[in-house]
Amino acid sequence: MMPKKDGFELANDIRAINKKIPIIFLTAKTLKEDVLKGFKIGADDYITKPFNMEELIFRIEAVLRRISGGGTQEVDIFKLGKFTFDSNKQTLYDDDNVKKLTTKEAELLKLLCENKNDILERNFALKAIWKDDNYFNARSMDVYITKLRKHLKPETSLEIMNIHGKGYKLIITE
């Protein structure tokens, strides 16, 4: 139901080029024949509308785990200029001192680190950390961004930048 070609044709084209690219159909086509056709073409999953966003995220993660050959190796320690951030211990430290971060600060800094020099979408961060992107949680996140900026201020090669209408970007100049 896409313009020019449908999802089945597109999936066939993708499979002809690269058989390893994961394909998840997200479609309004709910007939058994359509579902079977999608899987015969080589879909890794088939989700019909309406769908739950949280379920979609879990299905995407499951497909990515499957194609990567197991669980993804999660990074827990990040080097941020002169700082080292340990997300498990919720600490930010340099040679001189250790700062204990709150859980929300640590979760937010970890998301920023995982997306360093790239945009961390505001709504994604809100849903990942606060489970809801309402106005009050958004204001709370702004406060935590301000706190993180204060913690990171001594390191001049770091900056948490606002990206208007999108989110934040942790800029690390090396």
N, C-alpha and C. Protein backbone atom coordinates (compact mmCIF):
# COMPACT_ATOMS: atom_id res chain seq x y z
N MET A 1 0.82 -1.19 0.00
CA MET A 1 0.00 0.00 0.00
C MET A 1 0.87 1.26 0.00
N MET A 2 2.15 1.07 -0.30
CA MET A 2 3.06 2.20 -0.44
C MET A 2 2.99 2.69 -1.88
N PRO A 3 3.42 3.91 -2.14
CA PRO A 3 3.40 4.38 -3.53
C PRO A 3 4.41 3.62 -4.39
N LYS A 4 4.07 3.34 -5.60
CA LYS A 4 4.91 2.71 -6.63
C LYS A 4 5.12 1.22 -6.45
N LYS A 5 5.41 0.75 -5.24
CA LYS A 5 5.55 -0.70 -5.02
C LYS A 5 5.10 -1.01 -3.61
N ASP A 6 4.62 -2.23 -3.41
CA ASP A 6 4.15 -2.58 -2.07
C ASP A 6 5.30 -3.15 -1.23
N GLY A 7 5.03 -3.39 0.04
CA GLY A 7 6.04 -3.88 0.97
C GLY A 7 6.61 -5.23 0.59
N PHE A 8 5.77 -6.08 -0.02
CA PHE A 8 6.24 -7.40 -0.43
C PHE A 8 7.30 -7.28 -1.53
N GLU A 9 7.04 -6.39 -2.50
CA GLU A 9 8.02 -6.18 -3.58
C GLU A 9 9.31 -5.59 -3.02
N LEU A 10 9.17 -4.63 -2.11
CA LEU A 10 10.34 -4.00 -1.50
C LEU A 10 11.16 -5.04 -0.72
N ALA A 11 10.48 -5.89 0.03
CA ALA A 11 11.19 -6.94 0.79
C ALA A 11 11.91 -7.88 -0.16
N ASN A 12 11.27 -8.24 -1.29
CA ASN A 12 11.94 -9.09 -2.29
C ASN A 12 13.19 -8.41 -2.83
N ASP A 13 13.09 -7.11 -3.12
CA ASP A 13 14.24 -6.36 -3.63
C ASP A 13 15.38 -6.34 -2.60
N ILE A 14 15.02 -6.12 -1.34
CA ILE A 14 16.03 -6.08 -0.28
C ILE A 14 16.70 -7.45 -0.15
N ARG A 15 15.90 -8.50 -0.14
CA ARG A 15 16.44 -9.86 -0.01
C ARG A 15 17.35 -10.22 -1.20
N ALA A 16 17.06 -9.69 -2.38
CA ALA A 16 17.90 -9.96 -3.55
C ALA A 16 19.28 -9.32 -3.39
N ILE A 17 19.33 -8.19 -2.69
CA ILE A 17 20.59 -7.48 -2.49
C ILE A 17 21.36 -8.02 -1.29
N ASN A 18 20.63 -8.23 -0.16
CA ASN A 18 21.28 -8.66 1.07
C ASN A 18 20.31 -9.50 1.89
N LYS A 19 20.63 -10.75 2.07
CA LYS A 19 19.74 -11.67 2.79
C LYS A 19 19.80 -11.49 4.31
N LYS A 20 20.78 -10.74 4.82
CA LYS A 20 20.96 -10.61 6.26
C LYS A 20 20.24 -9.39 6.86
N ILE A 21 19.80 -8.46 6.05
CA ILE A 21 19.12 -7.27 6.57
C ILE A 21 17.80 -7.68 7.21
N PRO A 22 17.60 -7.31 8.48
CA PRO A 22 16.35 -7.70 9.13
C PRO A 22 15.16 -6.93 8.54
N ILE A 23 14.04 -7.63 8.39
CA ILE A 23 12.83 -7.01 7.87
C ILE A 23 11.69 -7.31 8.82
N ILE A 24 11.02 -6.24 9.28
CA ILE A 24 9.82 -6.38 10.08
C ILE A 24 8.70 -5.67 9.32
N PHE A 25 7.67 -6.40 8.99
CA PHE A 25 6.51 -5.79 8.35
C PHE A 25 5.66 -5.14 9.44
N LEU A 26 5.31 -3.87 9.24
CA LEU A 26 4.38 -3.15 10.09
C LEU A 26 3.27 -2.70 9.15
N THR A 27 2.12 -3.36 9.22
CA THR A 27 1.15 -3.21 8.16
C THR A 27 -0.29 -3.30 8.66
N ALA A 28 -1.19 -2.82 7.83
CA ALA A 28 -2.63 -2.95 8.10
C ALA A 28 -3.18 -4.25 7.53
N LYS A 29 -2.36 -4.95 6.75
CA LYS A 29 -2.81 -6.20 6.13
C LYS A 29 -2.79 -7.32 7.17
N THR A 30 -4.00 -7.77 7.55
CA THR A 30 -4.12 -8.74 8.63
C THR A 30 -4.53 -10.13 8.15
N LEU A 31 -4.79 -10.28 6.86
CA LEU A 31 -5.22 -11.59 6.35
C LEU A 31 -4.11 -12.62 6.52
N LYS A 32 -4.52 -13.84 6.82
CA LYS A 32 -3.58 -14.93 7.04
C LYS A 32 -2.66 -15.10 5.83
N GLU A 33 -3.22 -14.95 4.62
CA GLU A 33 -2.43 -15.10 3.39
C GLU A 33 -1.32 -14.05 3.32
N ASP A 34 -1.63 -12.81 3.75
CA ASP A 34 -0.63 -11.73 3.72
C ASP A 34 0.49 -12.00 4.73
N VAL A 35 0.11 -12.46 5.92
CA VAL A 35 1.10 -12.77 6.95
C VAL A 35 2.04 -13.88 6.46
N LEU A 36 1.45 -14.94 5.91
CA LEU A 36 2.26 -16.05 5.40
C LEU A 36 3.15 -15.61 4.25
N LYS A 37 2.61 -14.75 3.36
CA LYS A 37 3.40 -14.24 2.24
C LYS A 37 4.61 -13.45 2.75
N GLY A 38 4.38 -12.63 3.78
CA GLY A 38 5.48 -11.85 4.37
C GLY A 38 6.59 -12.73 4.90
N PHE A 39 6.20 -13.79 5.61
CA PHE A 39 7.21 -14.70 6.15
C PHE A 39 7.89 -15.52 5.05
N LYS A 40 7.14 -15.90 4.01
CA LYS A 40 7.74 -16.64 2.89
C LYS A 40 8.79 -15.80 2.17
N ILE A 41 8.54 -14.50 2.08
CA ILE A 41 9.50 -13.60 1.44
C ILE A 41 10.78 -13.49 2.27
N GLY A 42 10.65 -13.71 3.57
CA GLY A 42 11.83 -13.66 4.43
C GLY A 42 11.74 -12.66 5.56
N ALA A 43 10.54 -12.24 5.92
CA ALA A 43 10.38 -11.30 7.03
C ALA A 43 10.82 -11.96 8.32
N ASP A 44 11.43 -11.16 9.19
CA ASP A 44 11.82 -11.65 10.51
C ASP A 44 10.66 -11.54 11.50
N ASP A 45 9.74 -10.62 11.23
CA ASP A 45 8.56 -10.47 12.07
C ASP A 45 7.48 -9.76 11.25
N TYR A 46 6.25 -9.86 11.72
CA TYR A 46 5.11 -9.30 11.00
C TYR A 46 4.16 -8.74 12.06
N ILE A 47 3.98 -7.43 12.09
CA ILE A 47 3.16 -6.77 13.09
C ILE A 47 2.03 -6.04 12.38
N THR A 48 0.81 -6.23 12.88
CA THR A 48 -0.34 -5.58 12.25
C THR A 48 -0.79 -4.37 13.08
N LYS A 49 -1.38 -3.41 12.37
CA LYS A 49 -1.90 -2.20 13.01
C LYS A 49 -3.29 -2.50 13.55
N PRO A 50 -3.71 -1.89 14.63
CA PRO A 50 -2.93 -1.00 15.48
C PRO A 50 -1.90 -1.81 16.27
N PHE A 51 -0.82 -1.15 16.66
CA PHE A 51 0.25 -1.85 17.36
C PHE A 51 0.66 -1.06 18.59
N ASN A 52 1.31 -1.74 19.50
CA ASN A 52 1.80 -1.13 20.73
C ASN A 52 3.27 -0.77 20.52
N MET A 53 3.63 0.49 20.74
CA MET A 53 4.99 0.96 20.50
C MET A 53 6.02 0.20 21.34
N GLU A 54 5.69 -0.07 22.59
CA GLU A 54 6.62 -0.80 23.45
C GLU A 54 6.87 -2.21 22.91
N GLU A 55 5.81 -2.86 22.44
CA GLU A 55 5.95 -4.19 21.85
C GLU A 55 6.82 -4.13 20.60
N LEU A 56 6.63 -3.10 19.78
CA LEU A 56 7.44 -2.93 18.57
C LEU A 56 8.91 -2.82 18.93
N ILE A 57 9.23 -2.03 19.94
CA ILE A 57 10.62 -1.86 20.36
C ILE A 57 11.22 -3.19 20.81
N PHE A 58 10.46 -3.95 21.61
CA PHE A 58 10.95 -5.26 22.06
C PHE A 58 11.14 -6.22 20.90
N ARG A 59 10.25 -6.18 19.92
CA ARG A 59 10.39 -7.06 18.76
C ARG A 59 11.62 -6.68 17.93
N ILE A 60 11.86 -5.38 17.78
CA ILE A 60 13.05 -4.93 17.05
C ILE A 60 14.31 -5.40 17.78
N GLU A 61 14.34 -5.22 19.11
CA GLU A 61 15.50 -5.66 19.89
C GLU A 61 15.71 -7.16 19.77
N ALA A 62 14.61 -7.93 19.77
CA ALA A 62 14.72 -9.39 19.65
C ALA A 62 15.30 -9.78 18.30
N VAL A 63 14.85 -9.12 17.23
CA VAL A 63 15.37 -9.42 15.89
C VAL A 63 16.85 -9.06 15.82
N LEU A 64 17.22 -7.92 16.38
CA LEU A 64 18.63 -7.51 16.35
C LEU A 64 19.50 -8.46 17.16
N ARG A 65 19.00 -8.95 18.31
CA ARG A 65 19.75 -9.94 19.08
C ARG A 65 19.94 -11.22 18.27
N ARG A 66 18.88 -11.63 17.60
CA ARG A 66 18.92 -12.87 16.82
C ARG A 66 19.93 -12.77 15.68
N ILE A 67 19.94 -11.64 14.97
CA ILE A 67 20.85 -11.54 13.82
C ILE A 67 22.28 -11.26 14.24
N SER A 68 22.47 -10.69 15.45
CA SER A 68 23.84 -10.42 15.90
C SER A 68 24.45 -11.63 16.58
N GLY A 69 23.69 -12.69 16.72
CA GLY A 69 24.22 -13.92 17.30
C GLY A 69 24.27 -13.92 18.80
N GLY A 70 23.28 -13.35 19.43
CA GLY A 70 23.22 -13.39 20.89
C GLY A 70 22.94 -12.03 21.46
N GLY A 71 23.14 -11.91 22.74
CA GLY A 71 22.88 -10.65 23.43
C GLY A 71 23.88 -9.59 23.01
N THR A 72 23.42 -8.36 22.99
CA THR A 72 24.32 -7.28 22.66
C THR A 72 25.20 -6.97 23.87
N GLN A 73 26.44 -6.71 23.60
CA GLN A 73 27.39 -6.39 24.66
C GLN A 73 27.13 -4.95 25.08
N GLU A 74 26.68 -4.76 26.30
CA GLU A 74 26.33 -3.44 26.76
C GLU A 74 27.56 -2.79 27.41
N VAL A 75 27.82 -1.55 27.03
CA VAL A 75 28.95 -0.82 27.58
C VAL A 75 28.49 -0.13 28.86
N ASP A 76 29.27 -0.26 29.91
CA ASP A 76 28.91 0.33 31.19
C ASP A 76 29.83 1.47 31.60
N ILE A 77 31.04 1.53 31.02
CA ILE A 77 32.00 2.56 31.39
C ILE A 77 32.33 3.39 30.15
N PHE A 78 32.21 4.72 30.32
CA PHE A 78 32.43 5.65 29.21
C PHE A 78 33.51 6.64 29.59
N LYS A 79 34.39 6.94 28.64
CA LYS A 79 35.43 7.95 28.84
C LYS A 79 34.92 9.26 28.27
N LEU A 80 34.82 10.29 29.10
CA LEU A 80 34.32 11.61 28.70
C LEU A 80 35.39 12.65 29.02
N GLY A 81 36.33 12.83 28.08
CA GLY A 81 37.43 13.75 28.35
C GLY A 81 38.22 13.27 29.55
N LYS A 82 38.36 14.13 30.56
CA LYS A 82 39.10 13.72 31.76
C LYS A 82 38.24 12.90 32.72
N PHE A 83 36.93 12.83 32.45
CA PHE A 83 36.01 12.07 33.31
C PHE A 83 35.87 10.63 32.84
N THR A 84 35.56 9.77 33.78
CA THR A 84 35.14 8.41 33.49
C THR A 84 33.77 8.25 34.12
N PHE A 85 32.83 7.74 33.34
CA PHE A 85 31.47 7.54 33.83
C PHE A 85 31.19 6.05 33.90
N ASP A 86 30.89 5.56 35.10
CA ASP A 86 30.52 4.17 35.31
C ASP A 86 29.01 4.13 35.55
N SER A 87 28.28 3.66 34.53
CA SER A 87 26.82 3.70 34.62
C SER A 87 26.27 2.71 35.64
N ASN A 88 26.97 1.60 35.89
CA ASN A 88 26.50 0.65 36.90
C ASN A 88 26.64 1.20 38.31
N LYS A 89 27.77 1.82 38.57
CA LYS A 89 28.01 2.38 39.90
C LYS A 89 27.43 3.79 40.06
N GLN A 90 26.95 4.35 38.95
CA GLN A 90 26.38 5.69 38.92
C GLN A 90 27.37 6.73 39.43
N THR A 91 28.62 6.60 38.94
CA THR A 91 29.65 7.54 39.37
C THR A 91 30.29 8.22 38.16
N LEU A 92 30.67 9.45 38.38
CA LEU A 92 31.41 10.24 37.41
C LEU A 92 32.67 10.69 38.14
N TYR A 93 33.82 10.26 37.65
CA TYR A 93 35.03 10.58 38.39
C TYR A 93 36.17 10.98 37.46
N ASP A 94 37.10 11.73 38.06
CA ASP A 94 38.35 12.08 37.40
C ASP A 94 39.46 11.75 38.39
N ASP A 95 40.65 12.28 38.16
CA ASP A 95 41.78 11.97 39.05
C ASP A 95 41.57 12.51 40.46
N ASP A 96 40.83 13.61 40.58
CA ASP A 96 40.72 14.30 41.86
C ASP A 96 39.53 13.87 42.71
N ASN A 97 38.36 13.65 42.08
CA ASN A 97 37.19 13.36 42.91
C ASN A 97 36.18 12.45 42.20
N VAL A 98 35.25 11.97 43.01
CA VAL A 98 34.19 11.09 42.54
C VAL A 98 32.86 11.75 42.84
N LYS A 99 32.00 11.82 41.83
CA LYS A 99 30.66 12.36 42.03
C LYS A 99 29.68 11.21 41.90
N LYS A 100 28.86 11.03 42.94
CA LYS A 100 27.81 10.02 42.90
C LYS A 100 26.60 10.66 42.23
N LEU A 101 26.13 10.04 41.14
CA LEU A 101 24.97 10.56 40.40
C LEU A 101 23.70 9.89 40.88
N THR A 102 22.59 10.61 40.75
CA THR A 102 21.30 9.99 41.05
C THR A 102 20.99 8.99 39.94
N THR A 103 20.01 8.15 40.17
CA THR A 103 19.64 7.14 39.17
C THR A 103 19.22 7.80 37.86
N LYS A 104 18.40 8.83 37.95
CA LYS A 104 17.93 9.51 36.72
C LYS A 104 19.10 10.19 36.00
N GLU A 105 20.00 10.83 36.75
CA GLU A 105 21.17 11.45 36.13
C GLU A 105 22.00 10.40 35.40
N ALA A 106 22.22 9.27 36.04
CA ALA A 106 23.03 8.21 35.44
C ALA A 106 22.35 7.62 34.20
N GLU A 107 21.05 7.39 34.27
CA GLU A 107 20.33 6.85 33.11
C GLU A 107 20.38 7.83 31.93
N LEU A 108 20.19 9.11 32.23
CA LEU A 108 20.21 10.12 31.18
C LEU A 108 21.61 10.27 30.58
N LEU A 109 22.63 10.30 31.43
CA LEU A 109 24.00 10.41 30.93
C LEU A 109 24.38 9.18 30.11
N LYS A 110 23.92 8.01 30.51
CA LYS A 110 24.21 6.80 29.73
C LYS A 110 23.59 6.89 28.34
N LEU A 111 22.34 7.35 28.26
CA LEU A 111 21.70 7.52 26.94
C LEU A 111 22.47 8.54 26.10
N LEU A 112 22.89 9.62 26.72
CA LEU A 112 23.67 10.63 25.99
C LEU A 112 24.99 10.04 25.50
N CYS A 113 25.65 9.26 26.34
CA CYS A 113 26.92 8.63 25.96
C CYS A 113 26.72 7.62 24.83
N GLU A 114 25.67 6.84 24.89
CA GLU A 114 25.39 5.86 23.85
C GLU A 114 25.08 6.53 22.51
N ASN A 115 24.66 7.79 22.56
CA ASN A 115 24.34 8.55 21.35
C ASN A 115 25.28 9.74 21.17
N LYS A 116 26.50 9.63 21.71
CA LYS A 116 27.41 10.78 21.66
C LYS A 116 27.60 11.28 20.23
N ASN A 117 27.69 12.60 20.13
CA ASN A 117 27.82 13.30 18.85
C ASN A 117 26.67 12.99 17.90
N ASP A 118 25.57 12.53 18.44
CA ASP A 118 24.36 12.26 17.67
C ASP A 118 23.18 12.74 18.51
N ILE A 119 22.04 12.94 17.89
CA ILE A 119 20.88 13.46 18.61
C ILE A 119 20.23 12.36 19.44
N LEU A 120 20.01 12.67 20.72
CA LEU A 120 19.20 11.84 21.59
C LEU A 120 17.81 12.45 21.56
N GLU A 121 16.88 11.76 20.95
CA GLU A 121 15.52 12.29 20.81
C GLU A 121 14.89 12.45 22.19
N ARG A 122 14.30 13.61 22.40
CA ARG A 122 13.70 13.95 23.68
C ARG A 122 12.63 12.94 24.10
N ASN A 123 11.71 12.62 23.20
CA ASN A 123 10.62 11.70 23.54
C ASN A 123 11.15 10.29 23.82
N PHE A 124 12.17 9.87 23.09
CA PHE A 124 12.77 8.55 23.34
C PHE A 124 13.34 8.50 24.75
N ALA A 125 14.09 9.53 25.13
CA ALA A 125 14.70 9.57 26.47
C ALA A 125 13.63 9.59 27.56
N LEU A 126 12.58 10.38 27.34
CA LEU A 126 11.50 10.45 28.33
C LEU A 126 10.83 9.10 28.53
N LYS A 127 10.56 8.41 27.43
CA LYS A 127 9.90 7.11 27.53
C LYS A 127 10.84 6.04 28.08
N ALA A 128 12.11 6.13 27.75
CA ALA A 128 13.08 5.15 28.24
C ALA A 128 13.32 5.29 29.74
N ILE A 129 13.35 6.51 30.23
CA ILE A 129 13.70 6.74 31.64
C ILE A 129 12.46 6.95 32.51
N TRP A 130 11.54 7.80 32.06
CA TRP A 130 10.36 8.12 32.87
C TRP A 130 9.11 7.32 32.46
N LYS A 131 9.21 6.58 31.37
CA LYS A 131 8.11 5.74 30.85
C LYS A 131 6.92 6.55 30.32
N ASP A 132 7.03 7.88 30.32
CA ASP A 132 5.94 8.74 29.84
C ASP A 132 6.55 10.07 29.42
N ASP A 133 6.07 10.60 28.30
CA ASP A 133 6.65 11.85 27.80
C ASP A 133 5.75 13.06 28.08
N ASN A 134 5.11 13.07 29.25
CA ASN A 134 4.23 14.19 29.57
C ASN A 134 5.02 15.45 29.93
N TYR A 135 4.30 16.56 30.06
CA TYR A 135 4.90 17.87 30.31
C TYR A 135 5.75 17.87 31.58
N PHE A 136 5.25 17.28 32.66
CA PHE A 136 5.95 17.33 33.95
C PHE A 136 7.25 16.53 33.90
N ASN A 137 7.22 15.39 33.25
CA ASN A 137 8.45 14.61 33.10
C ASN A 137 9.46 15.34 32.22
N ALA A 138 8.96 16.04 31.20
CA ALA A 138 9.84 16.80 30.32
C ALA A 138 10.55 17.91 31.10
N ARG A 139 9.82 18.59 31.99
CA ARG A 139 10.44 19.64 32.81
C ARG A 139 11.46 19.02 33.76
N SER A 140 11.14 17.85 34.30
CA SER A 140 12.07 17.15 35.18
C SER A 140 13.35 16.81 34.44
N MET A 141 13.21 16.33 33.20
CA MET A 141 14.39 15.99 32.41
C MET A 141 15.25 17.23 32.17
N ASP A 142 14.62 18.38 31.94
CA ASP A 142 15.38 19.62 31.74
C ASP A 142 16.24 19.93 32.97
N VAL A 143 15.69 19.68 34.15
CA VAL A 143 16.44 19.91 35.39
C VAL A 143 17.65 18.97 35.45
N TYR A 144 17.45 17.71 35.09
CA TYR A 144 18.57 16.74 35.11
C TYR A 144 19.63 17.09 34.07
N ILE A 145 19.22 17.60 32.92
CA ILE A 145 20.19 18.05 31.90
C ILE A 145 21.04 19.18 32.49
N THR A 146 20.39 20.12 33.18
CA THR A 146 21.12 21.23 33.81
C THR A 146 22.12 20.70 34.84
N LYS A 147 21.70 19.72 35.65
CA LYS A 147 22.61 19.14 36.64
C LYS A 147 23.80 18.46 35.96
N LEU A 148 23.53 17.71 34.88
CA LEU A 148 24.63 17.04 34.17
C LEU A 148 25.60 18.06 33.58
N ARG A 149 25.07 19.16 33.06
CA ARG A 149 25.94 20.21 32.51
C ARG A 149 26.87 20.76 33.60
N LYS A 150 26.35 20.93 34.81
CA LYS A 150 27.17 21.42 35.92
C LYS A 150 28.26 20.40 36.28
N HIS A 151 27.89 19.13 36.30
CA HIS A 151 28.87 18.08 36.62
C HIS A 151 29.99 18.04 35.57
N LEU A 152 29.63 18.23 34.31
CA LEU A 152 30.59 18.10 33.21
C LEU A 152 31.31 19.40 32.86
N LYS A 153 30.91 20.52 33.48
CA LYS A 153 31.45 21.84 33.14
C LYS A 153 32.97 21.94 33.19
N PRO A 154 33.66 21.29 34.15
CA PRO A 154 35.13 21.41 34.18
C PRO A 154 35.82 20.86 32.92
N GLU A 155 35.17 19.99 32.19
CA GLU A 155 35.77 19.41 30.99
C GLU A 155 35.32 20.23 29.77
N THR A 156 36.25 20.99 29.20
CA THR A 156 35.91 21.90 28.10
C THR A 156 35.65 21.18 26.77
N SER A 157 36.04 19.92 26.67
CA SER A 157 35.81 19.19 25.42
C SER A 157 34.41 18.57 25.36
N LEU A 158 33.60 18.80 26.40
CA LEU A 158 32.24 18.24 26.45
C LEU A 158 31.21 19.35 26.45
N GLU A 159 30.10 19.08 25.79
CA GLU A 159 28.98 20.01 25.81
C GLU A 159 27.69 19.23 25.56
N ILE A 160 26.67 19.50 26.37
CA ILE A 160 25.34 18.96 26.10
C ILE A 160 24.56 20.07 25.42
N MET A 161 24.28 19.87 24.16
CA MET A 161 23.66 20.89 23.32
C MET A 161 22.17 20.60 23.15
N ASN A 162 21.36 21.65 23.22
CA ASN A 162 19.94 21.53 22.90
C ASN A 162 19.80 21.52 21.38
N ILE A 163 19.03 20.59 20.86
CA ILE A 163 18.70 20.56 19.44
C ILE A 163 17.22 20.89 19.36
N HIS A 164 16.91 22.11 18.97
CA HIS A 164 15.54 22.63 19.02
C HIS A 164 14.55 21.70 18.31
N GLY A 165 13.50 21.35 19.02
CA GLY A 165 12.44 20.53 18.46
C GLY A 165 12.76 19.05 18.36
N LYS A 166 13.99 18.66 18.75
CA LYS A 166 14.39 17.25 18.61
C LYS A 166 14.81 16.66 19.95
N GLY A 167 15.81 17.24 20.59
CA GLY A 167 16.32 16.66 21.82
C GLY A 167 17.64 17.27 22.23
N TYR A 168 18.60 16.38 22.54
CA TYR A 168 19.90 16.82 23.03
C TYR A 168 21.01 16.09 22.31
N LYS A 169 22.19 16.69 22.34
CA LYS A 169 23.35 16.04 21.74
C LYS A 169 24.53 16.25 22.67
N LEU A 170 25.18 15.14 23.03
CA LEU A 170 26.41 15.21 23.82
C LEU A 170 27.55 15.33 22.81
N ILE A 171 28.16 16.53 22.77
CA ILE A 171 29.26 16.81 21.86
C ILE A 171 30.57 16.51 22.59
N ILE A 172 31.36 15.63 22.00
CA ILE A 172 32.68 15.32 22.57
C ILE A 172 33.70 15.64 21.50
N THR A 173 34.49 16.68 21.71
CA THR A 173 35.57 17.03 20.78
C THR A 173 36.84 16.41 21.31
N GLU A 174 37.50 15.66 20.47
CA GLU A 174 38.68 14.89 20.92
C GLU A 174 39.95 15.56 20.48
